[in-house]
Amino acid sequence: MLIMSISMLLSNILASSFLLVYGGNFHQDFDLTWGDSRGKILNNGSLLTLSLDKASGSGFQSKNQYLFGKIDMQLKLVPGNSAGTVTTYYLSSQGPTHDEIDFEFLGNVTGQPYILHTNVYSQGKGNREQQFYLWFDPAATFHTYSMLWNPQRIIFSVDGVPIREFKNLEAIGVPFPNKQPMRMYSSIWNADEWATQGGRVKADWTKAPFTASYRNFNGAEACIWSAGKSSCSNSTSIKSSPSSNSSSMGTQNSAWLTQQLDSPSQQRLKWVQKKYMIYNYCTDIKRFPQGLPRECNGTTAS
C-alpha cells in the first residue's frame, strides 16, 4: 500500500484552506434552537458560538432540509481542558427510522487529543462508528469539516482530506440514507459519563463556559428539499439509486452528485486510516460475534 509523505499531506491541507468561497450567513441559514443565550450569532452573521456550562449546553439547526449535498463548515473546538464535553455537527432526519451522518468531537484533558467520532445511521440503524485522532490541534484555529452525500456514497473529509467513505451497498441489503431529507444540526453538551476515557475523567466546571465556534458554512452545493420537491430536480422525487447520474438532477454545477475518490484521494484516505484511526466497527469481532456487518468485507468498507 502506498503511504503518503507528511509533506504531501501538509501541502494538501494548505491547499484546502482555499476551498471555501461561500461564507454563508448564520442569520439566514440557521436557527438557535436551545440553550437560551448560550448560543450566539455574531459579526453580522459570519460567526456562531455555542457554549456549555453546568446548567445547560446549546444548539442550532439549519432552516433548510437537504436530500443529498456537499456541506462544509469550519469549526474551532473548545480549547484547553475540554474533558466531558461533546461538540456535534451532523445531518439528521427525525423519527425512529431516522437517517444521520455524524461528526462528534469528544473532548479531553489539556495536552491530550480530541477524538473525532463518526457514524452513519440508515433507517434508524447506526452502530457504524469509526474514530480518529486528528493531525492538528482542532482548538487552536478553525478547520474545515465536510460531508459529501450523494446517491452513491458518503465521504467524510477534514481540511479536504478524506477520512472515511460509506458506500451505497443496497444491492447486498445494506440500507443507505437516500429517501429522507435531513437538516444540519450542531450542539455542545455534557457527556462526562462516557465521553472522556470512558467516563473516568469528568468535566471541570471551574473552566466553564466551554465554547465552540463556527464560521464559513457552505451549503451552496446541496439539494434543498421543500414541499415535497428538490431544488436539484424538476420532479417531486430524486433518483437515488447507485445508478443515479447528475443529469437527472438538473443542477448547473452537479459534479459532486457523482463524485468519487480518485487515486490520490484514495491514497490520502488509506494514509489517514492507517496513521490516525483508533476504532473501526468493521474490525470489532468481539462486538459482532455473529459476524461483521455486510458492508465490512475488505473490498467495500473504508
C-alpha atoms as a PDB file:
ATOM      1  CA  MET A   1       0.000   0.000   0.000  1.00  0.00           C
ATOM      2  CA  LEU A   2       1.281   3.461  -0.917  1.00  0.00           C
ATOM      3  CA  ILE A   3       1.979   5.708   2.055  1.00  0.00           C
ATOM      4  CA  MET A   4       1.651   9.436   1.615  1.00  0.00           C
ATOM      5  CA  SER A   5       4.525  11.543   2.937  1.00  0.00           C
ATOM      6  CA  ILE A   6       3.934  14.173   5.608  1.00  0.00           C
ATOM      7  CA  SER A   7       4.993  16.899   3.198  1.00  0.00           C
ATOM      8  CA  MET A   8       2.390  15.771   0.664  1.00  0.00           C
ATOM      9  CA  LEU A   9      -0.301  15.731   3.335  1.00  0.00           C
ATOM     10  CA  LEU A  10       0.642  19.208   4.535  1.00  0.00           C
ATOM     11  CA  SER A  11       0.560  20.577   1.003  1.00  0.00           C
ATOM     12  CA  ASN A  12      -2.955  19.228   0.562  1.00  0.00           C
ATOM     13  CA  ILE A  13      -4.032  20.732   3.875  1.00  0.00           C
ATOM     14  CA  LEU A  14      -2.649  24.110   2.891  1.00  0.00           C
ATOM     15  CA  ALA A  15      -4.412  23.936  -0.449  1.00  0.00           C
ATOM     16  CA  SER A  16      -7.657  23.024   1.264  1.00  0.00           C
ATOM     17  CA  SER A  17      -7.661  26.308   3.179  1.00  0.00           C
ATOM     18  CA  PHE A  18      -8.824  27.953  -0.031  1.00  0.00           C
ATOM     19  CA  LEU A  19     -11.733  25.577  -0.636  1.00  0.00           C
ATOM     20  CA  LEU A  20     -14.426  27.682   0.995  1.00  0.00           C
ATOM     21  CA  VAL A  21     -15.554  30.518  -1.230  1.00  0.00           C
ATOM     22  CA  TYR A  22     -19.084  30.809   0.155  1.00  0.00           C
ATOM     23  CA  GLY A  23     -19.178  32.110   3.710  1.00  0.00           C
ATOM     24  CA  GLY A  24     -22.902  31.848   4.347  1.00  0.00           C
ATOM     25  CA  ASN A  25     -24.821  33.868   6.900  1.00  0.00           C
ATOM     26  CA  PHE A  26     -25.915  32.240  10.123  1.00  0.00           C
ATOM     27  CA  HIS A  27     -28.910  34.568  10.483  1.00  0.00           C
ATOM     28  CA  GLN A  28     -30.190  33.433   7.084  1.00  0.00           C
ATOM     29  CA  ASP A  29     -29.216  29.761   7.225  1.00  0.00           C
ATOM     30  CA  PHE A  30     -29.755  28.637  10.838  1.00  0.00           C
ATOM     31  CA  ASP A  31     -31.916  28.910  13.944  1.00  0.00           C
ATOM     32  CA  LEU A  32     -30.611  28.765  17.503  1.00  0.00           C
ATOM     33  CA  THR A  33     -32.842  26.069  18.976  1.00  0.00           C
ATOM     34  CA  TRP A  34     -31.893  25.542  22.623  1.00  0.00           C
ATOM     35  CA  GLY A  35     -29.606  26.768  25.383  1.00  0.00           C
ATOM     36  CA  ASP A  36     -31.129  30.237  25.871  1.00  0.00           C
ATOM     37  CA  SER A  37     -28.368  32.829  25.429  1.00  0.00           C
ATOM     38  CA  ARG A  38     -25.581  30.232  25.313  1.00  0.00           C
ATOM     39  CA  GLY A  39     -25.781  30.227  21.525  1.00  0.00           C
ATOM     40  CA  LYS A  40     -24.818  33.485  19.806  1.00  0.00           C
ATOM     41  CA  ILE A  41     -24.684  34.717  16.213  1.00  0.00           C
ATOM     42  CA  LEU A  42     -22.028  37.406  15.931  1.00  0.00           C
ATOM     43  CA  ASN A  43     -20.187  39.622  13.432  1.00  0.00           C
ATOM     44  CA  ASN A  44     -23.233  40.326  11.252  1.00  0.00           C
ATOM     45  CA  GLY A  45     -23.968  36.624  10.858  1.00  0.00           C
ATOM     46  CA  SER A  46     -20.469  35.442   9.931  1.00  0.00           C
ATOM     47  CA  LEU A  47     -19.695  33.740  13.269  1.00  0.00           C
ATOM     48  CA  LEU A  48     -21.708  31.467  15.567  1.00  0.00           C
ATOM     49  CA  THR A  49     -20.670  30.292  19.023  1.00  0.00           C
ATOM     50  CA  LEU A  50     -22.155  27.593  21.245  1.00  0.00           C
ATOM     51  CA  SER A  51     -21.393  27.373  24.959  1.00  0.00           C
ATOM     52  CA  LEU A  52     -21.812  24.794  27.684  1.00  0.00           C
ATOM     53  CA  ASP A  53     -21.981  25.401  31.428  1.00  0.00           C
ATOM     54  CA  LYS A  54     -23.094  23.178  34.297  1.00  0.00           C
ATOM     55  CA  ALA A  55     -26.740  24.127  33.764  1.00  0.00           C
ATOM     56  CA  SER A  56     -27.051  23.537  30.025  1.00  0.00           C
ATOM     57  CA  GLY A  57     -25.468  23.203  26.630  1.00  0.00           C
ATOM     58  CA  SER A  58     -26.758  24.772  23.414  1.00  0.00           C
ATOM     59  CA  GLY A  59     -27.509  24.008  19.801  1.00  0.00           C
ATOM     60  CA  PHE A  60     -28.682  25.160  16.390  1.00  0.00           C
ATOM     61  CA  GLN A  61     -30.216  23.706  13.242  1.00  0.00           C
ATOM     62  CA  SER A  62     -30.457  24.634   9.580  1.00  0.00           C
ATOM     63  CA  LYS A  63     -33.548  26.331   8.239  1.00  0.00           C
ATOM     64  CA  ASN A  64     -33.350  24.118   5.151  1.00  0.00           C
ATOM     65  CA  GLN A  65     -33.667  20.381   4.733  1.00  0.00           C
ATOM     66  CA  TYR A  66     -31.426  18.585   2.272  1.00  0.00           C
ATOM     67  CA  LEU A  67     -31.655  15.398   0.253  1.00  0.00           C
ATOM     68  CA  PHE A  68     -28.057  14.960  -0.928  1.00  0.00           C
ATOM     69  CA  GLY A  69     -25.448  17.648  -0.714  1.00  0.00           C
ATOM     70  CA  LYS A  70     -21.879  18.752  -0.217  1.00  0.00           C
ATOM     71  CA  ILE A  71     -21.778  20.520   3.155  1.00  0.00           C
ATOM     72  CA  ASP A  72     -18.772  22.355   4.607  1.00  0.00           C
ATOM     73  CA  MET A  73     -18.369  24.049   7.972  1.00  0.00           C
ATOM     74  CA  GLN A  74     -15.351  25.485   9.733  1.00  0.00           C
ATOM     75  CA  LEU A  75     -15.157  24.725  13.466  1.00  0.00           C
ATOM     76  CA  LYS A  76     -12.816  25.735  16.262  1.00  0.00           C
ATOM     77  CA  LEU A  77     -13.334  23.448  19.233  1.00  0.00           C
ATOM     78  CA  VAL A  78     -13.210  24.071  22.982  1.00  0.00           C
ATOM     79  CA  PRO A  79      -9.593  24.893  23.939  1.00  0.00           C
ATOM     80  CA  GLY A  80      -7.709  23.667  26.998  1.00  0.00           C
ATOM     81  CA  ASN A  81      -9.392  21.171  29.296  1.00  0.00           C
ATOM     82  CA  SER A  82     -12.428  20.028  27.293  1.00  0.00           C
ATOM     83  CA  ALA A  83     -12.893  16.736  29.169  1.00  0.00           C
ATOM     84  CA  GLY A  84     -16.503  15.584  29.386  1.00  0.00           C
ATOM     85  CA  THR A  85     -17.703  17.774  26.529  1.00  0.00           C
ATOM     86  CA  VAL A  86     -19.057  16.652  23.174  1.00  0.00           C
ATOM     87  CA  THR A  87     -19.389  19.005  20.217  1.00  0.00           C
ATOM     88  CA  THR A  88     -21.550  17.656  17.408  1.00  0.00           C
ATOM     89  CA  TYR A  89     -22.026  18.552  13.741  1.00  0.00           C
ATOM     90  CA  TYR A  90     -24.314  16.305  11.726  1.00  0.00           C
ATOM     91  CA  LEU A  91     -27.119  15.808   9.241  1.00  0.00           C
ATOM     92  CA  SER A  92     -30.219  14.052  10.521  1.00  0.00           C
ATOM     93  CA  SER A  93     -33.849  13.329   9.766  1.00  0.00           C
ATOM     94  CA  GLN A  94     -36.359  12.678  12.555  1.00  0.00           C
ATOM     95  CA  GLY A  95     -38.230   9.682  13.924  1.00  0.00           C
ATOM     96  CA  PRO A  96     -37.448   6.093  14.945  1.00  0.00           C
ATOM     97  CA  THR A  97     -36.219   5.192  11.440  1.00  0.00           C
ATOM     98  CA  HIS A  98     -34.134   8.331  11.010  1.00  0.00           C
ATOM     99  CA  ASP A  99     -31.023   8.720   8.867  1.00  0.00           C
ATOM    100  CA  GLU A 100     -27.927  10.505  10.151  1.00  0.00           C
ATOM    101  CA  ILE A 101     -24.411  11.453   9.026  1.00  0.00           C
ATOM    102  CA  ASP A 102     -22.458  12.284  12.126  1.00  0.00           C
ATOM    103  CA  PHE A 103     -19.321  14.138  13.251  1.00  0.00           C
ATOM    104  CA  GLU A 104     -18.809  14.218  17.022  1.00  0.00           C
ATOM    105  CA  PHE A 105     -15.778  15.680  18.791  1.00  0.00           C
ATOM    106  CA  LEU A 106     -15.035  14.105  22.174  1.00  0.00           C
ATOM    107  CA  GLY A 107     -13.148  16.437  24.488  1.00  0.00           C
ATOM    108  CA  ASN A 108     -10.116  15.544  26.559  1.00  0.00           C
ATOM    109  CA  VAL A 109      -7.861  16.871  29.296  1.00  0.00           C
ATOM    110  CA  THR A 110      -5.298  19.523  28.426  1.00  0.00           C
ATOM    111  CA  GLY A 111      -2.494  18.094  26.330  1.00  0.00           C
ATOM    112  CA  GLN A 112      -4.438  15.020  25.223  1.00  0.00           C
ATOM    113  CA  PRO A 113      -6.001  14.825  21.753  1.00  0.00           C
ATOM    114  CA  TYR A 114      -9.620  15.172  20.827  1.00  0.00           C
ATOM    115  CA  ILE A 115     -11.292  12.071  19.398  1.00  0.00           C
ATOM    116  CA  LEU A 116     -13.250  12.572  16.188  1.00  0.00           C
ATOM    117  CA  HIS A 117     -16.172  10.141  16.243  1.00  0.00           C
ATOM    118  CA  THR A 118     -18.078   9.407  13.004  1.00  0.00           C
ATOM    119  CA  ASN A 119     -21.222   7.371  12.436  1.00  0.00           C
ATOM    120  CA  VAL A 120     -23.818   6.680   9.752  1.00  0.00           C
ATOM    121  CA  TYR A 121     -27.439   5.835  10.531  1.00  0.00           C
ATOM    122  CA  SER A 122     -29.790   4.469   7.908  1.00  0.00           C
ATOM    123  CA  GLN A 123     -33.426   3.621   8.627  1.00  0.00           C
ATOM    124  CA  GLY A 124     -32.781   4.011  12.352  1.00  0.00           C
ATOM    125  CA  LYS A 125     -29.756   1.706  12.489  1.00  0.00           C
ATOM    126  CA  GLY A 126     -26.349   3.066  13.456  1.00  0.00           C
ATOM    127  CA  ASN A 127     -23.537   1.136  15.139  1.00  0.00           C
ATOM    128  CA  ARG A 128     -21.173   2.110  12.321  1.00  0.00           C
ATOM    129  CA  GLU A 129     -18.633   4.038  14.368  1.00  0.00           C
ATOM    130  CA  GLN A 130     -15.172   4.950  13.221  1.00  0.00           C
ATOM    131  CA  GLN A 131     -12.960   7.118  15.433  1.00  0.00           C
ATOM    132  CA  PHE A 132      -9.844   9.123  14.692  1.00  0.00           C
ATOM    133  CA  TYR A 133      -7.222  11.319  16.241  1.00  0.00           C
ATOM    134  CA  LEU A 134      -6.522  14.454  14.228  1.00  0.00           C
ATOM    135  CA  TRP A 135      -3.132  15.509  12.906  1.00  0.00           C
ATOM    136  CA  PHE A 136      -3.508  19.027  14.337  1.00  0.00           C
ATOM    137  CA  ASP A 137      -4.954  20.814  17.353  1.00  0.00           C
ATOM    138  CA  PRO A 138      -8.624  21.421  16.419  1.00  0.00           C
ATOM    139  CA  ALA A 139      -8.971  24.017  19.188  1.00  0.00           C
ATOM    140  CA  ALA A 140      -6.086  26.239  18.060  1.00  0.00           C
ATOM    141  CA  THR A 141      -7.747  27.597  14.923  1.00  0.00           C
ATOM    142  CA  PHE A 142     -10.585  26.898  12.502  1.00  0.00           C
ATOM    143  CA  HIS A 143     -10.574  23.751  10.358  1.00  0.00           C
ATOM    144  CA  THR A 144     -12.983  22.602   7.673  1.00  0.00           C
ATOM    145  CA  TYR A 145     -15.165  19.521   8.220  1.00  0.00           C
ATOM    146  CA  SER A 146     -17.088  18.301   5.169  1.00  0.00           C
ATOM    147  CA  MET A 147     -19.785  15.779   4.321  1.00  0.00           C
ATOM    148  CA  LEU A 148     -20.250  14.750   0.702  1.00  0.00           C
ATOM    149  CA  TRP A 149     -23.549  12.862   0.428  1.00  0.00           C
ATOM    150  CA  ASN A 150     -24.600  11.703  -2.999  1.00  0.00           C
ATOM    151  CA  PRO A 151     -26.627   8.717  -4.206  1.00  0.00           C
ATOM    152  CA  GLN A 152     -23.535   6.509  -4.453  1.00  0.00           C
ATOM    153  CA  ARG A 153     -21.560   7.292  -1.297  1.00  0.00           C
ATOM    154  CA  ILE A 154     -20.913   9.412   1.785  1.00  0.00           C
ATOM    155  CA  ILE A 155     -17.423  10.876   2.203  1.00  0.00           C
ATOM    156  CA  PHE A 156     -16.248  12.483   5.453  1.00  0.00           C
ATOM    157  CA  SER A 157     -13.356  14.931   4.974  1.00  0.00           C
ATOM    158  CA  VAL A 158     -11.207  17.146   7.180  1.00  0.00           C
ATOM    159  CA  ASP A 159      -9.490  20.117   5.540  1.00  0.00           C
ATOM    160  CA  GLY A 160     -10.176  18.495   2.189  1.00  0.00           C
ATOM    161  CA  VAL A 161      -8.548  15.189   3.241  1.00  0.00           C
ATOM    162  CA  PRO A 162     -10.956  12.215   3.103  1.00  0.00           C
ATOM    163  CA  ILE A 163     -11.036  10.183   6.306  1.00  0.00           C
ATOM    164  CA  ARG A 164     -13.989   7.874   5.697  1.00  0.00           C
ATOM    165  CA  GLU A 165     -16.179   6.580   2.881  1.00  0.00           C
ATOM    166  CA  PHE A 166     -19.531   4.799   3.293  1.00  0.00           C
ATOM    167  CA  LYS A 167     -20.738   3.360   0.002  1.00  0.00           C
ATOM    168  CA  ASN A 168     -24.261   2.651  -1.182  1.00  0.00           C
ATOM    169  CA  LEU A 169     -24.480  -1.143  -0.910  1.00  0.00           C
ATOM    170  CA  GLU A 170     -28.237  -1.540  -1.137  1.00  0.00           C
ATOM    171  CA  ALA A 171     -27.577  -4.214  -3.761  1.00  0.00           C
ATOM    172  CA  ILE A 172     -26.344  -6.521  -0.973  1.00  0.00           C
ATOM    173  CA  GLY A 173     -29.018  -5.484   1.517  1.00  0.00           C
ATOM    174  CA  VAL A 174     -27.270  -2.638   3.382  1.00  0.00           C
ATOM    175  CA  PRO A 175     -29.628   0.336   3.908  1.00  0.00           C
ATOM    176  CA  PHE A 176     -28.336   3.682   2.630  1.00  0.00           C
ATOM    177  CA  PRO A 177     -29.601   7.178   3.517  1.00  0.00           C
ATOM    178  CA  ASN A 178     -31.310   8.279   0.314  1.00  0.00           C
ATOM    179  CA  LYS A 179     -35.018   8.769   0.963  1.00  0.00           C
ATOM    180  CA  GLN A 180     -35.313  11.082   3.973  1.00  0.00           C
ATOM    181  CA  PRO A 181     -34.452  14.796   3.840  1.00  0.00           C
ATOM    182  CA  MET A 182     -32.140  15.865   6.643  1.00  0.00           C
ATOM    183  CA  ARG A 183     -31.384  19.110   8.447  1.00  0.00           C
ATOM    184  CA  MET A 184     -27.958  20.108   9.639  1.00  0.00           C
ATOM    185  CA  TYR A 185     -27.617  20.243  13.418  1.00  0.00           C
ATOM    186  CA  SER A 186     -24.883  21.170  15.839  1.00  0.00           C
ATOM    187  CA  SER A 187     -24.648  21.232  19.613  1.00  0.00           C
ATOM    188  CA  ILE A 188     -22.352  21.195  22.600  1.00  0.00           C
ATOM    189  CA  TRP A 189     -23.381  19.203  25.651  1.00  0.00           C
ATOM    190  CA  ASN A 190     -22.218  17.464  28.810  1.00  0.00           C
ATOM    191  CA  ALA A 191     -21.349  13.804  28.233  1.00  0.00           C
ATOM    192  CA  ASP A 192     -18.893  13.280  31.048  1.00  0.00           C
ATOM    193  CA  GLU A 193     -20.480   9.944  31.940  1.00  0.00           C
ATOM    194  CA  TRP A 194     -18.776   8.406  28.887  1.00  0.00           C
ATOM    195  CA  ALA A 195     -17.039  10.911  26.573  1.00  0.00           C
ATOM    196  CA  THR A 196     -13.538  11.149  28.045  1.00  0.00           C
ATOM    197  CA  GLN A 197     -11.573   8.000  28.843  1.00  0.00           C
ATOM    198  CA  GLY A 198     -14.772   6.013  29.234  1.00  0.00           C
ATOM    199  CA  GLY A 199     -16.205   8.468  31.743  1.00  0.00           C
ATOM    200  CA  ARG A 200     -13.262   8.274  34.154  1.00  0.00           C
ATOM    201  CA  VAL A 201     -12.484  11.967  33.611  1.00  0.00           C
ATOM    202  CA  LYS A 202     -15.305  14.384  34.358  1.00  0.00           C
ATOM    203  CA  ALA A 203     -15.880  17.937  33.206  1.00  0.00           C
ATOM    204  CA  ASP A 204     -14.093  20.576  35.257  1.00  0.00           C
ATOM    205  CA  TRP A 205     -16.859  23.127  35.707  1.00  0.00           C
ATOM    206  CA  THR A 206     -14.446  25.712  37.079  1.00  0.00           C
ATOM    207  CA  LYS A 207     -13.293  26.055  33.448  1.00  0.00           C
ATOM    208  CA  ALA A 208     -16.832  26.722  32.152  1.00  0.00           C
ATOM    209  CA  PRO A 209     -18.221  28.067  29.955  1.00  0.00           C
ATOM    210  CA  PHE A 210     -16.846  25.768  27.272  1.00  0.00           C
ATOM    211  CA  THR A 211     -17.232  27.411  23.871  1.00  0.00           C
ATOM    212  CA  ALA A 212     -17.018  26.094  20.297  1.00  0.00           C
ATOM    213  CA  SER A 213     -17.041  28.437  17.293  1.00  0.00           C
ATOM    214  CA  TYR A 214     -18.383  28.082  13.756  1.00  0.00           C
ATOM    215  CA  ARG A 215     -17.897  30.017  10.538  1.00  0.00           C
ATOM    216  CA  ASN A 216     -17.997  29.684   6.739  1.00  0.00           C
ATOM    217  CA  PHE A 217     -20.943  27.345   6.351  1.00  0.00           C
ATOM    218  CA  ASN A 218     -21.172  26.281   2.717  1.00  0.00           C
ATOM    219  CA  GLY A 219     -24.321  24.535   1.548  1.00  0.00           C
ATOM    220  CA  ALA A 220     -24.358  26.034  -1.939  1.00  0.00           C
ATOM    221  CA  GLU A 221     -23.841  22.594  -3.477  1.00  0.00           C
ATOM    222  CA  ALA A 222     -26.757  20.837  -1.850  1.00  0.00           C
ATOM    223  CA  CYS A 223     -30.252  19.805  -2.863  1.00  0.00           C
ATOM    224  CA  ILE A 224     -32.760  21.714  -0.748  1.00  0.00           C
ATOM    225  CA  TRP A 225     -35.961  19.754  -0.063  1.00  0.00           C
ATOM    226  CA  SER A 226     -39.129  21.796   0.357  1.00  0.00           C
ATOM    227  CA  ALA A 227     -42.838  20.971  -0.064  1.00  0.00           C
ATOM    228  CA  GLY A 228     -42.007  17.520  -1.394  1.00  0.00           C
ATOM    229  CA  LYS A 229     -39.681  18.806  -4.104  1.00  0.00           C
ATOM    230  CA  SER A 230     -35.941  19.064  -4.544  1.00  0.00           C
ATOM    231  CA  SER A 231     -34.103  22.126  -5.815  1.00  0.00           C
ATOM    232  CA  CYS A 232     -31.991  19.684  -7.830  1.00  0.00           C
ATOM    233  CA  SER A 233     -34.860  18.039  -9.714  1.00  0.00           C
ATOM    234  CA  ASN A 234     -37.859  19.067 -11.757  1.00  0.00           C
ATOM    235  CA  SER A 235     -39.877  16.198 -10.321  1.00  0.00           C
ATOM    236  CA  THR A 236     -41.230  15.541  -6.829  1.00  0.00           C
ATOM    237  CA  SER A 237     -38.689  12.805  -6.196  1.00  0.00           C
ATOM    238  CA  ILE A 238     -34.978  12.271  -6.695  1.00  0.00           C
ATOM    239  CA  LYS A 239     -33.477   9.257  -8.352  1.00  0.00           C
ATOM    240  CA  SER A 240     -31.433   7.899  -5.502  1.00  0.00           C
ATOM    241  CA  SER A 241     -30.179   4.515  -6.651  1.00  0.00           C
ATOM    242  CA  PRO A 242     -26.461   3.853  -7.193  1.00  0.00           C
ATOM    243  CA  SER A 243     -27.060   4.333 -10.917  1.00  0.00           C
ATOM    244  CA  SER A 244     -28.353   7.890 -10.491  1.00  0.00           C
ATOM    245  CA  ASN A 245     -26.484  10.448 -12.530  1.00  0.00           C
ATOM    246  CA  SER A 246     -26.050  14.185 -12.384  1.00  0.00           C
ATOM    247  CA  SER A 247     -28.121  14.806 -15.498  1.00  0.00           C
ATOM    248  CA  SER A 248     -31.213  13.582 -13.656  1.00  0.00           C
ATOM    249  CA  MET A 249     -30.678  16.260 -11.009  1.00  0.00           C
ATOM    250  CA  GLY A 250     -30.813  19.246 -13.297  1.00  0.00           C
ATOM    251  CA  THR A 251     -28.211  21.348 -11.484  1.00  0.00           C
ATOM    252  CA  GLN A 252     -25.723  23.655 -13.147  1.00  0.00           C
ATOM    253  CA  ASN A 253     -22.744  22.546 -11.066  1.00  0.00           C
ATOM    254  CA  SER A 254     -23.541  18.991 -10.078  1.00  0.00           C
ATOM    255  CA  ALA A 255     -20.198  17.173 -10.310  1.00  0.00           C
ATOM    256  CA  TRP A 256     -20.484  16.343  -6.606  1.00  0.00           C
ATOM    257  CA  LEU A 257     -23.575  14.223  -7.326  1.00  0.00           C
ATOM    258  CA  THR A 258     -21.395  11.589  -8.964  1.00  0.00           C
ATOM    259  CA  GLN A 259     -18.118  12.406  -7.211  1.00  0.00           C
ATOM    260  CA  GLN A 260     -15.972   9.549  -6.036  1.00  0.00           C
ATOM    261  CA  LEU A 261     -12.480   9.225  -4.630  1.00  0.00           C
ATOM    262  CA  ASP A 262      -9.815   9.418  -7.301  1.00  0.00           C
ATOM    263  CA  SER A 263      -6.476   7.638  -6.875  1.00  0.00           C
ATOM    264  CA  PRO A 264      -4.726  10.435  -4.907  1.00  0.00           C
ATOM    265  CA  SER A 265      -7.774  10.767  -2.633  1.00  0.00           C
ATOM    266  CA  GLN A 266      -7.822   7.017  -2.022  1.00  0.00           C
ATOM    267  CA  GLN A 267      -4.148   7.237  -1.112  1.00  0.00           C
ATOM    268  CA  ARG A 268      -4.836  10.012   1.394  1.00  0.00           C
ATOM    269  CA  LEU A 269      -7.776   8.058   2.861  1.00  0.00           C
ATOM    270  CA  LYS A 270      -5.604   4.988   3.400  1.00  0.00           C
ATOM    271  CA  TRP A 271      -2.855   7.113   4.964  1.00  0.00           C
ATOM    272  CA  VAL A 272      -5.221   8.761   7.448  1.00  0.00           C
ATOM    273  CA  GLN A 273      -6.868   5.480   8.369  1.00  0.00           C
ATOM    274  CA  LYS A 274      -3.537   3.771   8.917  1.00  0.00           C
ATOM    275  CA  LYS A 275      -1.996   6.587  10.964  1.00  0.00           C
ATOM    276  CA  TYR A 276      -4.939   8.112  12.824  1.00  0.00           C
ATOM    277  CA  MET A 277      -7.865   5.690  13.034  1.00  0.00           C
ATOM    278  CA  ILE A 278      -8.260   4.375  16.581  1.00  0.00           C
ATOM    279  CA  TYR A 279     -11.533   2.453  16.272  1.00  0.00           C
ATOM    280  CA  ASN A 280     -13.293   0.740  13.372  1.00  0.00           C
ATOM    281  CA  TYR A 281     -16.519  -1.183  13.867  1.00  0.00           C
ATOM    282  CA  CYS A 282     -15.598  -3.291  10.842  1.00  0.00           C
ATOM    283  CA  THR A 283     -12.733  -4.906  12.758  1.00  0.00           C
ATOM    284  CA  ASP A 284     -14.516  -5.319  16.118  1.00  0.00           C
ATOM    285  CA  ILE A 285     -15.107  -9.062  16.081  1.00  0.00           C
ATOM    286  CA  LYS A 286     -15.960  -9.190  19.799  1.00  0.00           C
ATOM    287  CA  ARG A 287     -18.766  -6.700  19.275  1.00  0.00           C
ATOM    288  CA  PHE A 288     -20.265  -8.715  16.422  1.00  0.00           C
ATOM    289  CA  PRO A 289     -19.833 -12.382  17.452  1.00  0.00           C
ATOM    290  CA  GLN A 290     -22.403 -13.484  14.882  1.00  0.00           C
ATOM    291  CA  GLY A 291     -20.386 -11.904  12.087  1.00  0.00           C
ATOM    292  CA  LEU A 292     -19.368  -8.433  10.970  1.00  0.00           C
ATOM    293  CA  PRO A 293     -21.935  -6.222   9.186  1.00  0.00           C
ATOM    294  CA  ARG A 294     -22.309  -6.908   5.478  1.00  0.00           C
ATOM    295  CA  GLU A 295     -20.604  -3.701   4.412  1.00  0.00           C
ATOM    296  CA  CYS A 296     -17.433  -4.689   6.280  1.00  0.00           C
ATOM    297  CA  ASN A 297     -15.912  -7.060   3.764  1.00  0.00           C
ATOM    298  CA  GLY A 298     -12.487  -5.922   2.619  1.00  0.00           C
ATOM    299  CA  THR A 299     -13.475  -4.745  -0.827  1.00  0.00           C
ATOM    300  CA  THR A 300     -16.303  -2.389   0.169  1.00  0.00           C
ATOM    301  CA  ALA A 301     -15.660  -0.875   3.602  1.00  0.00           C
ATOM    302  CA  SER A 302     -13.468   2.165   4.214  1.00  0.00           C
END
